[in-house]
Amino acid sequence: MPDIKFEIVRHIGTLSESPKGWTKELNLISWNDRDPKYDIREWSPDHTKMGKGVTLSAEDITNLKRLLDDIGI
């Protein structure tokens, strides 16, 4: 399996932290030199390891915000 190249373009915020120091974060990430997308996933303290996550386009994140606003969050 080829290596996955990524660059955290912008750290937006940390959602939570596990007892082992891994953090669930919302970041803007460029995957394999592509345009950056919003990304939610867990990261090791030094950001060399990552868990499974979800990647969202700008349109997806706008729709998610609208849905959260609709339910009062």
N, C-alpha and C. Protein backbone atom coordinates (compact mmCIF):
# COMPACT_ATOMS: atom_id res chain seq x y z
N MET A 1 0.85 -1.18 0.00
CA MET A 1 0.00 0.00 0.00
C MET A 1 0.90 1.24 0.00
N PRO A 2 0.63 2.19 -0.88
CA PRO A 2 1.47 3.39 -0.94
C PRO A 2 1.27 4.27 0.28
N ASP A 3 2.31 5.05 0.60
CA ASP A 3 2.21 5.99 1.71
C ASP A 3 1.20 7.07 1.39
N ILE A 4 0.52 7.51 2.42
CA ILE A 4 -0.43 8.60 2.28
C ILE A 4 0.27 9.88 2.72
N LYS A 5 0.29 10.85 1.84
CA LYS A 5 0.92 12.13 2.15
C LYS A 5 -0.17 13.08 2.64
N PHE A 6 0.11 13.78 3.73
CA PHE A 6 -0.86 14.75 4.23
C PHE A 6 -0.15 15.96 4.81
N GLU A 7 -0.84 17.06 4.77
CA GLU A 7 -0.35 18.29 5.40
C GLU A 7 -1.53 18.93 6.13
N ILE A 8 -1.36 19.16 7.42
CA ILE A 8 -2.37 19.88 8.18
C ILE A 8 -2.19 21.36 7.85
N VAL A 9 -3.08 21.88 7.02
CA VAL A 9 -2.99 23.25 6.55
C VAL A 9 -3.42 24.21 7.66
N ARG A 10 -4.45 23.80 8.41
CA ARG A 10 -4.96 24.65 9.49
C ARG A 10 -5.59 23.77 10.57
N HIS A 11 -5.11 23.92 11.79
CA HIS A 11 -5.73 23.25 12.93
C HIS A 11 -6.88 24.15 13.39
N ILE A 12 -8.09 23.66 13.30
CA ILE A 12 -9.26 24.47 13.65
C ILE A 12 -9.59 24.33 15.12
N GLY A 13 -9.53 23.10 15.63
CA GLY A 13 -9.81 22.92 17.05
C GLY A 13 -9.77 21.47 17.49
N THR A 14 -9.68 21.28 18.80
CA THR A 14 -9.68 19.96 19.41
C THR A 14 -11.05 19.70 20.01
N LEU A 15 -11.63 18.56 19.67
CA LEU A 15 -12.96 18.20 20.17
C LEU A 15 -12.88 17.47 21.50
N SER A 16 -11.87 16.60 21.65
CA SER A 16 -11.71 15.84 22.90
C SER A 16 -10.31 15.25 22.95
N GLU A 17 -9.96 14.74 24.14
CA GLU A 17 -8.66 14.09 24.33
C GLU A 17 -8.86 12.81 25.12
N SER A 18 -8.21 11.73 24.68
CA SER A 18 -8.32 10.44 25.37
C SER A 18 -7.30 10.39 26.51
N PRO A 19 -7.48 9.46 27.44
CA PRO A 19 -6.50 9.31 28.54
C PRO A 19 -5.08 9.02 28.04
N LYS A 20 -4.96 8.46 26.84
CA LYS A 20 -3.63 8.15 26.29
C LYS A 20 -3.02 9.33 25.53
N GLY A 21 -3.72 10.46 25.49
CA GLY A 21 -3.18 11.65 24.86
C GLY A 21 -3.57 11.86 23.42
N TRP A 22 -4.30 10.91 22.82
CA TRP A 22 -4.77 11.11 21.45
C TRP A 22 -5.87 12.16 21.47
N THR A 23 -5.91 13.01 20.45
CA THR A 23 -6.91 14.06 20.38
C THR A 23 -7.77 13.89 19.15
N LYS A 24 -9.07 14.14 19.33
CA LYS A 24 -10.00 14.17 18.20
C LYS A 24 -10.05 15.62 17.76
N GLU A 25 -9.73 15.86 16.48
CA GLU A 25 -9.54 17.23 16.00
C GLU A 25 -10.32 17.50 14.72
N LEU A 26 -10.65 18.78 14.55
CA LEU A 26 -11.16 19.28 13.28
C LEU A 26 -10.02 20.09 12.66
N ASN A 27 -9.59 19.65 11.47
CA ASN A 27 -8.49 20.29 10.77
C ASN A 27 -8.85 20.49 9.31
N LEU A 28 -8.12 21.37 8.67
CA LEU A 28 -8.17 21.51 7.22
C LEU A 28 -6.90 20.81 6.71
N ILE A 29 -7.08 19.72 5.94
CA ILE A 29 -5.94 18.87 5.55
C ILE A 29 -5.88 18.71 4.04
N SER A 30 -4.66 18.79 3.52
CA SER A 30 -4.40 18.46 2.12
C SER A 30 -3.91 17.02 2.09
N TRP A 31 -4.66 16.15 1.40
CA TRP A 31 -4.29 14.74 1.26
C TRP A 31 -3.67 14.54 -0.11
N ASN A 32 -2.45 13.98 -0.13
CA ASN A 32 -1.76 13.66 -1.39
C ASN A 32 -1.70 14.85 -2.34
N ASP A 33 -1.34 16.01 -1.80
CA ASP A 33 -1.15 17.26 -2.56
C ASP A 33 -2.42 17.76 -3.25
N ARG A 34 -3.58 17.32 -2.78
CA ARG A 34 -4.85 17.81 -3.34
C ARG A 34 -5.32 19.02 -2.55
N ASP A 35 -6.40 19.64 -3.05
CA ASP A 35 -6.98 20.79 -2.34
C ASP A 35 -7.38 20.37 -0.93
N PRO A 36 -7.17 21.25 0.05
CA PRO A 36 -7.51 20.91 1.43
C PRO A 36 -9.00 20.69 1.64
N LYS A 37 -9.31 19.76 2.56
CA LYS A 37 -10.69 19.48 2.95
C LYS A 37 -10.76 19.46 4.47
N TYR A 38 -11.97 19.65 4.98
CA TYR A 38 -12.18 19.57 6.43
C TYR A 38 -12.13 18.10 6.84
N ASP A 39 -11.55 17.86 8.01
CA ASP A 39 -11.30 16.49 8.42
C ASP A 39 -11.48 16.36 9.93
N ILE A 40 -12.22 15.33 10.35
CA ILE A 40 -12.39 15.02 11.77
C ILE A 40 -11.84 13.63 11.99
N ARG A 41 -10.83 13.51 12.88
CA ARG A 41 -10.25 12.21 13.21
C ARG A 41 -9.39 12.33 14.46
N GLU A 42 -8.98 11.17 14.99
CA GLU A 42 -8.10 11.14 16.15
C GLU A 42 -6.64 11.13 15.69
N TRP A 43 -5.80 11.84 16.46
CA TRP A 43 -4.38 11.95 16.17
C TRP A 43 -3.56 11.61 17.41
N SER A 44 -2.41 10.96 17.18
CA SER A 44 -1.46 10.73 18.26
C SER A 44 -0.90 12.09 18.70
N PRO A 45 -0.31 12.16 19.89
CA PRO A 45 0.20 13.45 20.37
C PRO A 45 1.17 14.14 19.42
N ASP A 46 1.98 13.38 18.68
CA ASP A 46 2.95 14.01 17.77
C ASP A 46 2.45 14.09 16.32
N HIS A 47 1.20 13.72 16.10
CA HIS A 47 0.56 13.78 14.77
C HIS A 47 1.25 12.90 13.72
N THR A 48 1.92 11.82 14.16
CA THR A 48 2.53 10.89 13.20
C THR A 48 1.61 9.70 12.93
N LYS A 49 0.64 9.46 13.81
CA LYS A 49 -0.32 8.38 13.64
C LYS A 49 -1.72 8.96 13.72
N MET A 50 -2.64 8.32 12.98
CA MET A 50 -4.01 8.82 12.96
C MET A 50 -4.99 7.66 12.98
N GLY A 51 -6.18 7.93 13.47
CA GLY A 51 -7.25 6.95 13.43
C GLY A 51 -8.13 7.18 12.21
N LYS A 52 -9.14 6.35 12.08
CA LYS A 52 -10.10 6.54 10.99
C LYS A 52 -10.86 7.83 11.23
N GLY A 53 -11.26 8.46 10.16
CA GLY A 53 -11.97 9.72 10.30
C GLY A 53 -12.91 9.95 9.14
N VAL A 54 -13.39 11.17 9.09
CA VAL A 54 -14.30 11.57 8.02
C VAL A 54 -13.76 12.88 7.42
N THR A 55 -13.78 12.93 6.09
CA THR A 55 -13.31 14.11 5.36
C THR A 55 -14.52 14.76 4.70
N LEU A 56 -14.60 16.08 4.84
CA LEU A 56 -15.77 16.83 4.36
C LEU A 56 -15.34 17.97 3.45
N SER A 57 -16.08 18.17 2.38
CA SER A 57 -15.85 19.32 1.51
C SER A 57 -16.40 20.57 2.20
N ALA A 58 -16.12 21.73 1.64
CA ALA A 58 -16.67 22.98 2.18
C ALA A 58 -18.19 22.94 2.15
N GLU A 59 -18.75 22.37 1.08
CA GLU A 59 -20.21 22.25 0.98
C GLU A 59 -20.75 21.32 2.08
N ASP A 60 -20.06 20.21 2.32
CA ASP A 60 -20.47 19.28 3.38
C ASP A 60 -20.47 19.97 4.75
N ILE A 61 -19.43 20.73 5.02
CA ILE A 61 -19.31 21.37 6.34
C ILE A 61 -20.38 22.45 6.51
N THR A 62 -20.71 23.14 5.41
CA THR A 62 -21.79 24.14 5.45
C THR A 62 -23.12 23.46 5.74
N ASN A 63 -23.37 22.33 5.08
CA ASN A 63 -24.61 21.58 5.32
C ASN A 63 -24.66 21.03 6.74
N LEU A 64 -23.54 20.56 7.25
CA LEU A 64 -23.48 20.06 8.63
C LEU A 64 -23.79 21.19 9.60
N LYS A 65 -23.23 22.35 9.38
CA LYS A 65 -23.51 23.50 10.25
C LYS A 65 -25.00 23.84 10.23
N ARG A 66 -25.58 23.83 9.04
CA ARG A 66 -27.01 24.13 8.92
C ARG A 66 -27.84 23.11 9.69
N LEU A 67 -27.49 21.83 9.55
CA LEU A 67 -28.22 20.79 10.26
C LEU A 67 -28.10 20.94 11.78
N LEU A 68 -26.90 21.27 12.25
CA LEU A 68 -26.71 21.47 13.70
C LEU A 68 -27.48 22.69 14.18
N ASP A 69 -27.48 23.75 13.37
CA ASP A 69 -28.27 24.95 13.71
C ASP A 69 -29.76 24.60 13.79
N ASP A 70 -30.22 23.76 12.86
CA ASP A 70 -31.64 23.38 12.81
C ASP A 70 -32.08 22.64 14.07
N ILE A 71 -31.18 21.88 14.67
CA ILE A 71 -31.54 21.15 15.89
C ILE A 71 -31.11 21.89 17.16
N GLY A 72 -30.62 23.11 16.99
CA GLY A 72 -30.33 23.95 18.14
C GLY A 72 -28.99 23.68 18.80
N ILE A 73 -28.04 23.14 18.06
CA ILE A 73 -26.71 22.90 18.62
C ILE A 73 -25.75 23.94 18.10
